[in-house]
Amino acid sequence: MSYAILVAKICQLYPHALPSVLIKAFFRVFSEWNWSWRCPVLLTPSTENSNLAWDPKYNANDRAHVMPIIYPAHPHINSTFNVTRSSLQIMKKELNEGFKVVLEEHNNEARWSKLFGEFNFFDEFRHFVVITASAAEGGRFRRWFAATFQYFILPITRQSHGNFFLGLAWCRARYGIW
């Protein structure tokens, strides 16, 4: 849903642009975006006076969000509330890489296929931890695990004395039977 909102934002900003221009604009705009609670991605302004709505002026927890992309419909909440500084760093790196590829394609130095090429996780991340958990009651456990896992990841990605304990933490949850 978050990517759909980002694409819709680009379409709002460039309503008459060609598809290739929209792709270039997507990577340019969001690689340069000031990602913070002070600059959320909004398709429509929120006029809600609800404790459910995302509102960093009145809710301190909302000010902790590092990549706010706000749902355009009620309730106006942050679709990326669980993005950490580490995962934002990864996404910004990928947006910058995407923008470079789009510029290369524009200058006939690369093809669009380079943008949509395969990604080899093990080449990119040499050290990683895999956590496997299972439970008979999947729905409640999933919500509990997703919330609890954030408390595990956040402390090890926080900065201490100018250094990160863990440079990057890429979290990906998979649900279902393996």
Protein backbone atom coordinates (compact mmCIF):
# COMPACT_ATOMS: atom_id res chain seq x y z
CA MET A 1 0.00 0.00 0.00
CA SER A 2 2.84 2.40 0.80
CA TYR A 3 4.31 2.14 -2.69
CA ALA A 4 0.87 2.77 -4.20
CA ILE A 5 0.61 5.96 -2.13
CA LEU A 6 4.09 7.05 -3.26
CA VAL A 7 3.18 6.42 -6.92
CA ALA A 8 -0.09 8.33 -6.47
CA LYS A 9 1.85 11.25 -4.98
CA ILE A 10 4.09 11.39 -8.05
CA CYS A 11 1.01 11.28 -10.30
CA GLN A 12 -0.42 14.21 -8.31
CA LEU A 13 2.80 16.18 -8.72
CA TYR A 14 3.13 15.38 -12.45
CA PRO A 15 -0.44 14.82 -13.73
CA HIS A 16 0.38 15.00 -17.47
CA ALA A 17 3.76 13.26 -17.51
CA LEU A 18 4.67 10.26 -19.63
CA PRO A 19 5.31 6.94 -17.81
CA SER A 20 9.10 7.18 -18.21
CA VAL A 21 9.03 10.69 -16.75
CA LEU A 22 6.93 9.44 -13.84
CA ILE A 23 9.45 6.69 -13.09
CA LYS A 24 12.31 9.19 -13.19
CA ALA A 25 10.34 11.58 -10.97
CA PHE A 26 9.54 8.79 -8.50
CA PHE A 27 13.19 8.01 -7.88
CA ARG A 28 14.32 11.64 -7.97
CA VAL A 29 11.65 12.95 -5.61
CA PHE A 30 11.81 10.16 -3.05
CA SER A 31 15.60 9.80 -3.09
CA GLU A 32 15.73 13.51 -2.13
CA TRP A 33 12.69 13.51 0.19
CA ASN A 34 13.19 14.85 3.71
CA TRP A 35 12.03 11.69 5.48
CA SER A 36 10.84 12.73 8.92
CA TRP A 37 7.59 13.22 10.79
CA ARG A 38 7.81 16.89 9.81
CA CYS A 39 7.48 16.03 6.12
CA PRO A 40 5.00 13.16 5.65
CA VAL A 41 3.84 11.94 2.25
CA LEU A 42 0.19 13.03 2.10
CA LEU A 43 -2.25 12.66 -0.78
CA THR A 44 -4.99 14.57 1.03
CA PRO A 45 -4.75 16.79 4.08
CA SER A 46 -6.17 15.25 7.22
CA THR A 47 -8.94 17.16 8.95
CA GLU A 48 -9.67 14.40 11.43
CA ASN A 49 -10.00 15.12 15.11
CA SER A 50 -9.63 11.52 16.14
CA ASN A 51 -7.21 9.77 18.42
CA LEU A 52 -6.83 7.19 15.62
CA ALA A 53 -5.47 9.71 13.11
CA TRP A 54 -1.75 10.24 12.61
CA ASP A 55 -0.95 13.58 14.21
CA PRO A 56 2.59 14.25 15.45
CA LYS A 57 1.53 17.58 16.98
CA TYR A 58 -0.51 15.79 19.62
CA ASN A 59 0.90 12.25 19.63
CA ALA A 60 4.54 11.84 20.67
CA ASN A 61 4.63 8.30 19.24
CA ASP A 62 3.89 9.71 15.78
CA ARG A 63 6.95 11.97 16.07
CA ALA A 64 9.11 8.83 16.31
CA HIS A 65 8.08 7.70 12.81
CA VAL A 66 11.01 8.03 10.41
CA MET A 67 9.21 7.50 7.09
CA PRO A 68 5.59 8.65 7.38
CA ILE A 69 3.42 7.71 4.42
CA ILE A 70 -0.15 8.51 5.43
CA TYR A 71 -3.23 6.60 4.24
CA PRO A 72 -5.47 8.98 2.27
CA ALA A 73 -8.68 7.52 3.72
CA HIS A 74 -10.09 7.37 7.24
CA PRO A 75 -8.39 6.78 9.55
CA HIS A 76 -5.38 8.77 8.35
CA ILE A 77 -2.65 6.57 9.82
CA ASN A 78 0.98 5.96 8.92
CA SER A 79 1.32 2.96 6.63
CA THR A 80 5.03 2.72 7.45
CA PHE A 81 4.91 3.00 11.25
CA ASN A 82 7.29 0.05 11.63
CA VAL A 83 10.10 1.44 9.44
CA THR A 84 13.29 1.81 11.47
CA ARG A 85 16.21 4.14 10.81
CA SER A 86 18.10 1.14 9.53
CA SER A 87 15.41 0.05 7.07
CA LEU A 88 14.97 3.68 5.96
CA GLN A 89 18.71 3.79 5.26
CA ILE A 90 18.35 0.69 3.06
CA MET A 91 15.36 2.15 1.19
CA LYS A 92 17.12 5.48 0.62
CA LYS A 93 20.15 3.63 -0.76
CA GLU A 94 17.90 1.68 -3.15
CA LEU A 95 16.02 4.84 -4.22
CA ASN A 96 19.36 6.50 -5.00
CA GLU A 97 20.49 3.44 -6.96
CA GLY A 98 17.18 3.44 -8.84
CA PHE A 99 17.59 7.11 -9.71
CA LYS A 100 21.11 6.45 -11.05
CA VAL A 101 19.78 3.63 -13.26
CA VAL A 102 16.95 5.84 -14.56
CA LEU A 103 19.46 8.58 -15.43
CA GLU A 104 21.68 6.02 -17.19
CA GLU A 105 18.68 4.78 -19.16
CA HIS A 106 17.76 8.36 -20.05
CA ASN A 107 21.31 8.88 -21.38
CA ASN A 108 21.19 5.53 -23.26
CA GLU A 109 23.90 4.10 -20.97
CA ALA A 110 21.66 1.39 -19.48
CA ARG A 111 18.39 -0.42 -20.15
CA TRP A 112 15.21 -0.54 -18.07
CA SER A 113 15.93 -4.21 -17.33
CA LYS A 114 18.79 -3.08 -15.06
CA LEU A 115 16.21 -1.38 -12.83
CA PHE A 116 14.15 -4.55 -12.54
CA GLY A 117 17.01 -7.04 -12.31
CA GLU A 118 17.37 -9.80 -9.76
CA PHE A 119 18.53 -9.03 -6.25
CA ASN A 120 20.83 -11.49 -4.56
CA PHE A 121 20.31 -11.17 -0.80
CA PHE A 122 23.43 -13.17 0.06
CA ASP A 123 25.71 -10.95 -2.04
CA GLU A 124 24.36 -7.83 -0.36
CA PHE A 125 24.24 -9.10 3.23
CA ARG A 126 27.10 -11.33 4.35
CA HIS A 127 25.98 -11.49 8.00
CA PHE A 128 22.38 -12.09 8.95
CA VAL A 129 20.15 -13.65 11.55
CA VAL A 130 17.13 -15.77 10.73
CA ILE A 131 14.44 -16.06 13.38
CA THR A 132 11.82 -18.73 12.90
CA ALA A 133 8.75 -18.77 15.10
CA SER A 134 5.52 -20.73 14.92
CA ALA A 135 2.29 -21.01 16.87
CA ALA A 136 -1.03 -22.80 16.64
CA GLU A 137 -2.93 -19.48 16.79
CA GLY A 138 -1.44 -17.64 13.81
CA GLY A 139 -3.34 -14.32 13.77
CA ARG A 140 -2.81 -13.23 17.37
CA PHE A 141 0.73 -14.56 17.38
CA ARG A 142 1.62 -12.65 14.19
CA ARG A 143 0.50 -9.34 15.69
CA TRP A 144 2.31 -10.06 18.95
CA PHE A 145 5.50 -11.16 17.20
CA ALA A 146 5.54 -8.15 14.84
CA ALA A 147 5.17 -5.76 17.78
CA THR A 148 7.69 -7.60 19.96
CA PHE A 149 10.25 -7.96 17.20
CA GLN A 150 10.41 -4.16 16.84
CA TYR A 151 11.57 -3.96 20.47
CA PHE A 152 14.32 -6.46 19.64
CA ILE A 153 15.57 -4.64 16.53
CA LEU A 154 15.37 -1.01 17.68
CA PRO A 155 18.00 -1.13 20.45
CA ILE A 156 20.62 -2.84 18.30
CA THR A 157 20.18 -0.33 15.46
CA ARG A 158 20.30 2.76 17.68
CA GLN A 159 23.33 4.99 17.56
CA SER A 160 25.74 4.93 20.49
CA HIS A 161 28.70 7.30 20.74
CA GLY A 162 28.49 8.08 17.02
CA ASN A 163 28.47 4.40 15.97
CA PHE A 164 25.64 2.07 15.16
CA PHE A 165 25.63 -1.21 17.04
CA LEU A 166 24.34 -2.85 13.89
CA GLY A 167 24.75 -1.02 10.59
CA LEU A 168 21.68 -2.35 8.82
CA ALA A 169 18.78 -4.45 10.00
CA TRP A 170 16.56 -5.62 7.19
CA CYS A 171 13.40 -7.17 8.60
CA ARG A 172 11.10 -9.24 6.48
CA ALA A 173 8.25 -11.20 7.96
CA ARG A 174 6.82 -14.20 6.14
CA TYR A 175 3.60 -15.78 7.25
CA GLY A 176 2.18 -19.12 6.33
CA ILE A 177 3.36 -22.67 6.17
CA TRP A 178 6.94 -23.34 5.01
